[in-house]
Amino acid sequence: MDDLQPLTPEQRKSSEFRLFVFIIVFLFPILAVAVVGGYGFLVWMSQIFMGPPGPPGG
């Protein structure tokens, strides 16, 4: 483990840029789809068990 060399500023900048692109292009869209899909699934399941929204007997 002692043979690891520290990154040069150029390598670090390149690494940070690649991580930024990964987060923006892949991670955020996947998380957005998962959150919206999860919420939709939750609403759908709640309507199966509790019925559609609205006044009772309406």
PDB file of N, CA and C in Angstrom:
ATOM      1  N   MET A   1       0.804  -1.199   0.000  1.00  0.00           N
ATOM      2  CA  MET A   1       0.000   0.000   0.000  1.00  0.00           C
ATOM      3  C   MET A   1       0.848   1.265   0.000  1.00  0.00           C
ATOM      4  N   ASP A   2       2.104   1.169   0.390  1.00  0.00           N
ATOM      5  CA  ASP A   2       2.956   2.343   0.452  1.00  0.00           C
ATOM      6  C   ASP A   2       3.458   2.771  -0.927  1.00  0.00           C
ATOM      7  N   ASP A   3       3.260   1.926  -1.955  1.00  0.00           N
ATOM      8  CA  ASP A   3       3.767   2.266  -3.270  1.00  0.00           C
ATOM      9  C   ASP A   3       2.777   3.107  -4.090  1.00  0.00           C
ATOM     10  N   LEU A   4       1.660   3.528  -3.496  1.00  0.00           N
ATOM     11  CA  LEU A   4       0.717   4.373  -4.211  1.00  0.00           C
ATOM     12  C   LEU A   4       1.283   5.777  -4.353  1.00  0.00           C
ATOM     13  N   GLN A   5       1.171   6.310  -5.571  1.00  0.00           N
ATOM     14  CA  GLN A   5       1.690   7.647  -5.814  1.00  0.00           C
ATOM     15  C   GLN A   5       0.526   8.631  -5.835  1.00  0.00           C
ATOM     16  N   PRO A   6       0.726   9.813  -5.287  1.00  0.00           N
ATOM     17  CA  PRO A   6      -0.352  10.809  -5.322  1.00  0.00           C
ATOM     18  C   PRO A   6      -0.606  11.264  -6.761  1.00  0.00           C
ATOM     19  N   LEU A   7      -1.836  11.642  -7.022  1.00  0.00           N
ATOM     20  CA  LEU A   7      -2.194  12.095  -8.358  1.00  0.00           C
ATOM     21  C   LEU A   7      -1.646  13.495  -8.608  1.00  0.00           C
ATOM     22  N   THR A   8      -1.264  13.706  -9.849  1.00  0.00           N
ATOM     23  CA  THR A   8      -0.854  15.057 -10.227  1.00  0.00           C
ATOM     24  C   THR A   8      -2.114  15.916 -10.340  1.00  0.00           C
ATOM     25  N   PRO A   9      -1.968  17.220 -10.295  1.00  0.00           N
ATOM     26  CA  PRO A   9      -3.155  18.088 -10.433  1.00  0.00           C
ATOM     27  C   PRO A   9      -3.927  17.846 -11.733  1.00  0.00           C
ATOM     28  N   GLU A  10      -3.207  17.533 -12.817  1.00  0.00           N
ATOM     29  CA  GLU A  10      -3.887  17.267 -14.090  1.00  0.00           C
ATOM     30  C   GLU A  10      -4.699  15.976 -14.017  1.00  0.00           C
ATOM     31  N   GLN A  11      -4.105  14.944 -13.396  1.00  0.00           N
ATOM     32  CA  GLN A  11      -4.824  13.669 -13.272  1.00  0.00           C
ATOM     33  C   GLN A  11      -6.033  13.825 -12.362  1.00  0.00           C
ATOM     34  N   ARG A  12      -5.865  14.585 -11.300  1.00  0.00           N
ATOM     35  CA  ARG A  12      -6.977  14.786 -10.376  1.00  0.00           C
ATOM     36  C   ARG A  12      -8.104  15.555 -11.051  1.00  0.00           C
ATOM     37  N   LYS A  13      -7.766  16.582 -11.811  1.00  0.00           N
ATOM     38  CA  LYS A  13      -8.778  17.374 -12.514  1.00  0.00           C
ATOM     39  C   LYS A  13      -9.518  16.497 -13.523  1.00  0.00           C
ATOM     40  N   SER A  14      -8.798  15.665 -14.248  1.00  0.00           N
ATOM     41  CA  SER A  14      -9.412  14.761 -15.213  1.00  0.00           C
ATOM     42  C   SER A  14     -10.335  13.764 -14.510  1.00  0.00           C
ATOM     43  N   SER A  15      -9.873  13.239 -13.391  1.00  0.00           N
ATOM     44  CA  SER A  15     -10.672  12.288 -12.628  1.00  0.00           C
ATOM     45  C   SER A  15     -11.949  12.936 -12.101  1.00  0.00           C
ATOM     46  N   GLU A  16     -11.832  14.154 -11.580  1.00  0.00           N
ATOM     47  CA  GLU A  16     -13.000  14.861 -11.065  1.00  0.00           C
ATOM     48  C   GLU A  16     -13.974  15.190 -12.184  1.00  0.00           C
ATOM     49  N   PHE A  17     -13.460  15.547 -13.359  1.00  0.00           N
ATOM     50  CA  PHE A  17     -14.340  15.855 -14.488  1.00  0.00           C
ATOM     51  C   PHE A  17     -15.105  14.610 -14.934  1.00  0.00           C
ATOM     52  N   ARG A  18     -14.421  13.463 -15.006  1.00  0.00           N
ATOM     53  CA  ARG A  18     -15.097  12.219 -15.385  1.00  0.00           C
ATOM     54  C   ARG A  18     -16.172  11.844 -14.366  1.00  0.00           C
ATOM     55  N   LEU A  19     -15.885  12.036 -13.084  1.00  0.00           N
ATOM     56  CA  LEU A  19     -16.868  11.762 -12.046  1.00  0.00           C
ATOM     57  C   LEU A  19     -18.063  12.703 -12.173  1.00  0.00           C
ATOM     58  N   PHE A  20     -17.816  13.982 -12.441  1.00  0.00           N
ATOM     59  CA  PHE A  20     -18.887  14.950 -12.632  1.00  0.00           C
ATOM     60  C   PHE A  20     -19.783  14.558 -13.806  1.00  0.00           C
ATOM     61  N   VAL A  21     -19.179  14.179 -14.923  1.00  0.00           N
ATOM     62  CA  VAL A  21     -19.959  13.770 -16.097  1.00  0.00           C
ATOM     63  C   VAL A  21     -20.781  12.526 -15.778  1.00  0.00           C
ATOM     64  N   PHE A  22     -20.193  11.570 -15.072  1.00  0.00           N
ATOM     65  CA  PHE A  22     -20.926  10.361 -14.696  1.00  0.00           C
ATOM     66  C   PHE A  22     -22.147  10.710 -13.838  1.00  0.00           C
ATOM     67  N   ILE A  23     -21.944  11.593 -12.867  1.00  0.00           N
ATOM     68  CA  ILE A  23     -23.045  11.965 -11.986  1.00  0.00           C
ATOM     69  C   ILE A  23     -24.147  12.676 -12.761  1.00  0.00           C
ATOM     70  N   ILE A  24     -23.793  13.612 -13.609  1.00  0.00           N
ATOM     71  CA  ILE A  24     -24.779  14.403 -14.346  1.00  0.00           C
ATOM     72  C   ILE A  24     -25.484  13.572 -15.420  1.00  0.00           C
ATOM     73  N   VAL A  25     -24.736  12.765 -16.150  1.00  0.00           N
ATOM     74  CA  VAL A  25     -25.301  12.049 -17.298  1.00  0.00           C
ATOM     75  C   VAL A  25     -26.006  10.763 -16.882  1.00  0.00           C
ATOM     76  N   PHE A  26     -25.492  10.056 -15.885  1.00  0.00           N
ATOM     77  CA  PHE A  26     -26.050   8.754 -15.529  1.00  0.00           C
ATOM     78  C   PHE A  26     -26.777   8.739 -14.188  1.00  0.00           C
ATOM     79  N   LEU A  27     -26.119   9.176 -13.153  1.00  0.00           N
ATOM     80  CA  LEU A  27     -26.659   8.990 -11.806  1.00  0.00           C
ATOM     81  C   LEU A  27     -27.928   9.801 -11.564  1.00  0.00           C
ATOM     82  N   PHE A  28     -27.919  11.104 -11.859  1.00  0.00           N
ATOM     83  CA  PHE A  28     -29.092  11.930 -11.603  1.00  0.00           C
ATOM     84  C   PHE A  28     -30.312  11.486 -12.419  1.00  0.00           C
ATOM     85  N   PRO A  29     -30.180  11.199 -13.713  1.00  0.00           N
ATOM     86  CA  PRO A  29     -31.362  10.717 -14.440  1.00  0.00           C
ATOM     87  C   PRO A  29     -31.888   9.384 -13.905  1.00  0.00           C
ATOM     88  N   ILE A  30     -31.000   8.471 -13.551  1.00  0.00           N
ATOM     89  CA  ILE A  30     -31.454   7.184 -13.009  1.00  0.00           C
ATOM     90  C   ILE A  30     -32.165   7.394 -11.678  1.00  0.00           C
ATOM     91  N   LEU A  31     -31.623   8.244 -10.813  1.00  0.00           N
ATOM     92  CA  LEU A  31     -32.271   8.531  -9.539  1.00  0.00           C
ATOM     93  C   LEU A  31     -33.616   9.220  -9.750  1.00  0.00           C
ATOM     94  N   ALA A  32     -33.705  10.128 -10.704  1.00  0.00           N
ATOM     95  CA  ALA A  32     -34.970  10.824 -10.970  1.00  0.00           C
ATOM     96  C   ALA A  32     -36.036   9.832 -11.425  1.00  0.00           C
ATOM     97  N   VAL A  33     -35.693   8.940 -12.331  1.00  0.00           N
ATOM     98  CA  VAL A  33     -36.651   7.934 -12.799  1.00  0.00           C
ATOM     99  C   VAL A  33     -37.058   7.014 -11.653  1.00  0.00           C
ATOM    100  N   ALA A  34     -36.114   6.631 -10.809  1.00  0.00           N
ATOM    101  CA  ALA A  34     -36.420   5.748  -9.685  1.00  0.00           C
ATOM    102  C   ALA A  34     -37.340   6.429  -8.680  1.00  0.00           C
ATOM    103  N   VAL A  35     -37.092   7.693  -8.388  1.00  0.00           N
ATOM    104  CA  VAL A  35     -37.928   8.404  -7.411  1.00  0.00           C
ATOM    105  C   VAL A  35     -39.336   8.608  -7.954  1.00  0.00           C
ATOM    106  N   VAL A  36     -39.462   9.066  -9.188  1.00  0.00           N
ATOM    107  CA  VAL A  36     -40.774   9.297  -9.776  1.00  0.00           C
ATOM    108  C   VAL A  36     -41.517   7.974  -9.948  1.00  0.00           C
ATOM    109  N   GLY A  37     -40.827   6.941 -10.402  1.00  0.00           N
ATOM    110  CA  GLY A  37     -41.452   5.630 -10.549  1.00  0.00           C
ATOM    111  C   GLY A  37     -41.870   5.049  -9.212  1.00  0.00           C
ATOM    112  N   GLY A  38     -41.043   5.212  -8.200  1.00  0.00           N
ATOM    113  CA  GLY A  38     -41.387   4.727  -6.866  1.00  0.00           C
ATOM    114  C   GLY A  38     -42.595   5.443  -6.308  1.00  0.00           C
ATOM    115  N   TYR A  39     -42.673   6.763  -6.510  1.00  0.00           N
ATOM    116  CA  TYR A  39     -43.833   7.511  -6.035  1.00  0.00           C
ATOM    117  C   TYR A  39     -45.095   7.075  -6.779  1.00  0.00           C
ATOM    118  N   GLY A  40     -44.994   6.899  -8.085  1.00  0.00           N
ATOM    119  CA  GLY A  40     -46.147   6.430  -8.855  1.00  0.00           C
ATOM    120  C   GLY A  40     -46.601   5.053  -8.400  1.00  0.00           C
ATOM    121  N   PHE A  41     -45.659   4.179  -8.125  1.00  0.00           N
ATOM    122  CA  PHE A  41     -46.007   2.848  -7.632  1.00  0.00           C
ATOM    123  C   PHE A  41     -46.695   2.936  -6.276  1.00  0.00           C
ATOM    124  N   LEU A  42     -46.201   3.809  -5.406  1.00  0.00           N
ATOM    125  CA  LEU A  42     -46.801   4.000  -4.088  1.00  0.00           C
ATOM    126  C   LEU A  42     -48.241   4.507  -4.207  1.00  0.00           C
ATOM    127  N   VAL A  43     -48.473   5.476  -5.076  1.00  0.00           N
ATOM    128  CA  VAL A  43     -49.829   5.989  -5.290  1.00  0.00           C
ATOM    129  C   VAL A  43     -50.723   4.895  -5.851  1.00  0.00           C
ATOM    130  N   TRP A  44     -50.227   4.135  -6.801  1.00  0.00           N
ATOM    131  CA  TRP A  44     -51.003   3.069  -7.421  1.00  0.00           C
ATOM    132  C   TRP A  44     -51.398   2.013  -6.384  1.00  0.00           C
ATOM    133  N   MET A  45     -50.424   1.588  -5.560  1.00  0.00           N
ATOM    134  CA  MET A  45     -50.718   0.590  -4.526  1.00  0.00           C
ATOM    135  C   MET A  45     -51.699   1.138  -3.492  1.00  0.00           C
ATOM    136  N   SER A  46     -51.555   2.408  -3.116  1.00  0.00           N
ATOM    137  CA  SER A  46     -52.483   2.976  -2.137  1.00  0.00           C
ATOM    138  C   SER A  46     -53.900   3.024  -2.712  1.00  0.00           C
ATOM    139  N   GLN A  47     -54.048   3.275  -3.998  1.00  0.00           N
ATOM    140  CA  GLN A  47     -55.372   3.305  -4.605  1.00  0.00           C
ATOM    141  C   GLN A  47     -55.960   1.906  -4.736  1.00  0.00           C
ATOM    142  N   ILE A  48     -55.119   0.896  -4.877  1.00  0.00           N
ATOM    143  CA  ILE A  48     -55.635  -0.474  -4.919  1.00  0.00           C
ATOM    144  C   ILE A  48     -56.249  -0.840  -3.575  1.00  0.00           C
ATOM    145  N   PHE A  49     -55.574  -0.451  -2.481  1.00  0.00           N
ATOM    146  CA  PHE A  49     -56.045  -0.830  -1.143  1.00  0.00           C
ATOM    147  C   PHE A  49     -57.105   0.121  -0.603  1.00  0.00           C
ATOM    148  N   MET A  50     -57.026   1.418  -0.899  1.00  0.00           N
ATOM    149  CA  MET A  50     -57.936   2.397  -0.294  1.00  0.00           C
ATOM    150  C   MET A  50     -58.963   2.932  -1.275  1.00  0.00           C
ATOM    151  N   GLY A  51     -58.882   2.585  -2.532  1.00  0.00           N
ATOM    152  CA  GLY A  51     -59.817   3.084  -3.525  1.00  0.00           C
ATOM    153  C   GLY A  51     -59.340   4.413  -4.096  1.00  0.00           C
ATOM    154  N   PRO A  52     -59.998   4.848  -5.162  1.00  0.00           N
ATOM    155  CA  PRO A  52     -59.583   6.109  -5.797  1.00  0.00           C
ATOM    156  C   PRO A  52     -59.930   7.302  -4.900  1.00  0.00           C
ATOM    157  N   PRO A  53     -59.256   8.423  -5.118  1.00  0.00           N
ATOM    158  CA  PRO A  53     -59.559   9.596  -4.305  1.00  0.00           C
ATOM    159  C   PRO A  53     -60.912  10.189  -4.684  1.00  0.00           C
ATOM    160  N   GLY A  54     -61.485  10.902  -3.767  1.00  0.00           N
ATOM    161  CA  GLY A  54     -62.784  11.552  -4.016  1.00  0.00           C
ATOM    162  C   GLY A  54     -63.711  11.327  -2.856  1.00  0.00           C
ATOM    163  N   PRO A  55     -64.883  11.952  -2.916  1.00  0.00           N
ATOM    164  CA  PRO A  55     -65.836  11.779  -1.812  1.00  0.00           C
ATOM    165  C   PRO A  55     -66.371  10.343  -1.771  1.00  0.00           C
ATOM    166  N   PRO A  56     -66.572   9.808  -0.591  1.00  0.00           N
ATOM    167  CA  PRO A  56     -67.085   8.434  -0.504  1.00  0.00           C
ATOM    168  C   PRO A  56     -68.510   8.347  -1.055  1.00  0.00           C
ATOM    169  N   GLY A  57     -68.752   7.312  -1.827  1.00  0.00           N
ATOM    170  CA  GLY A  57     -70.086   7.095  -2.406  1.00  0.00           C
ATOM    171  C   GLY A  57     -70.423   8.061  -3.498  1.00  0.00           C
ATOM    172  N   GLY A  58     -69.436   8.791  -3.980  1.00  0.00           N
ATOM    173  CA  GLY A  58     -69.723   9.817  -4.984  1.00  0.00           C
ATOM    174  C   GLY A  58     -69.685   9.247  -6.304  1.00  0.00           C
TER     175      GLY A  58
END
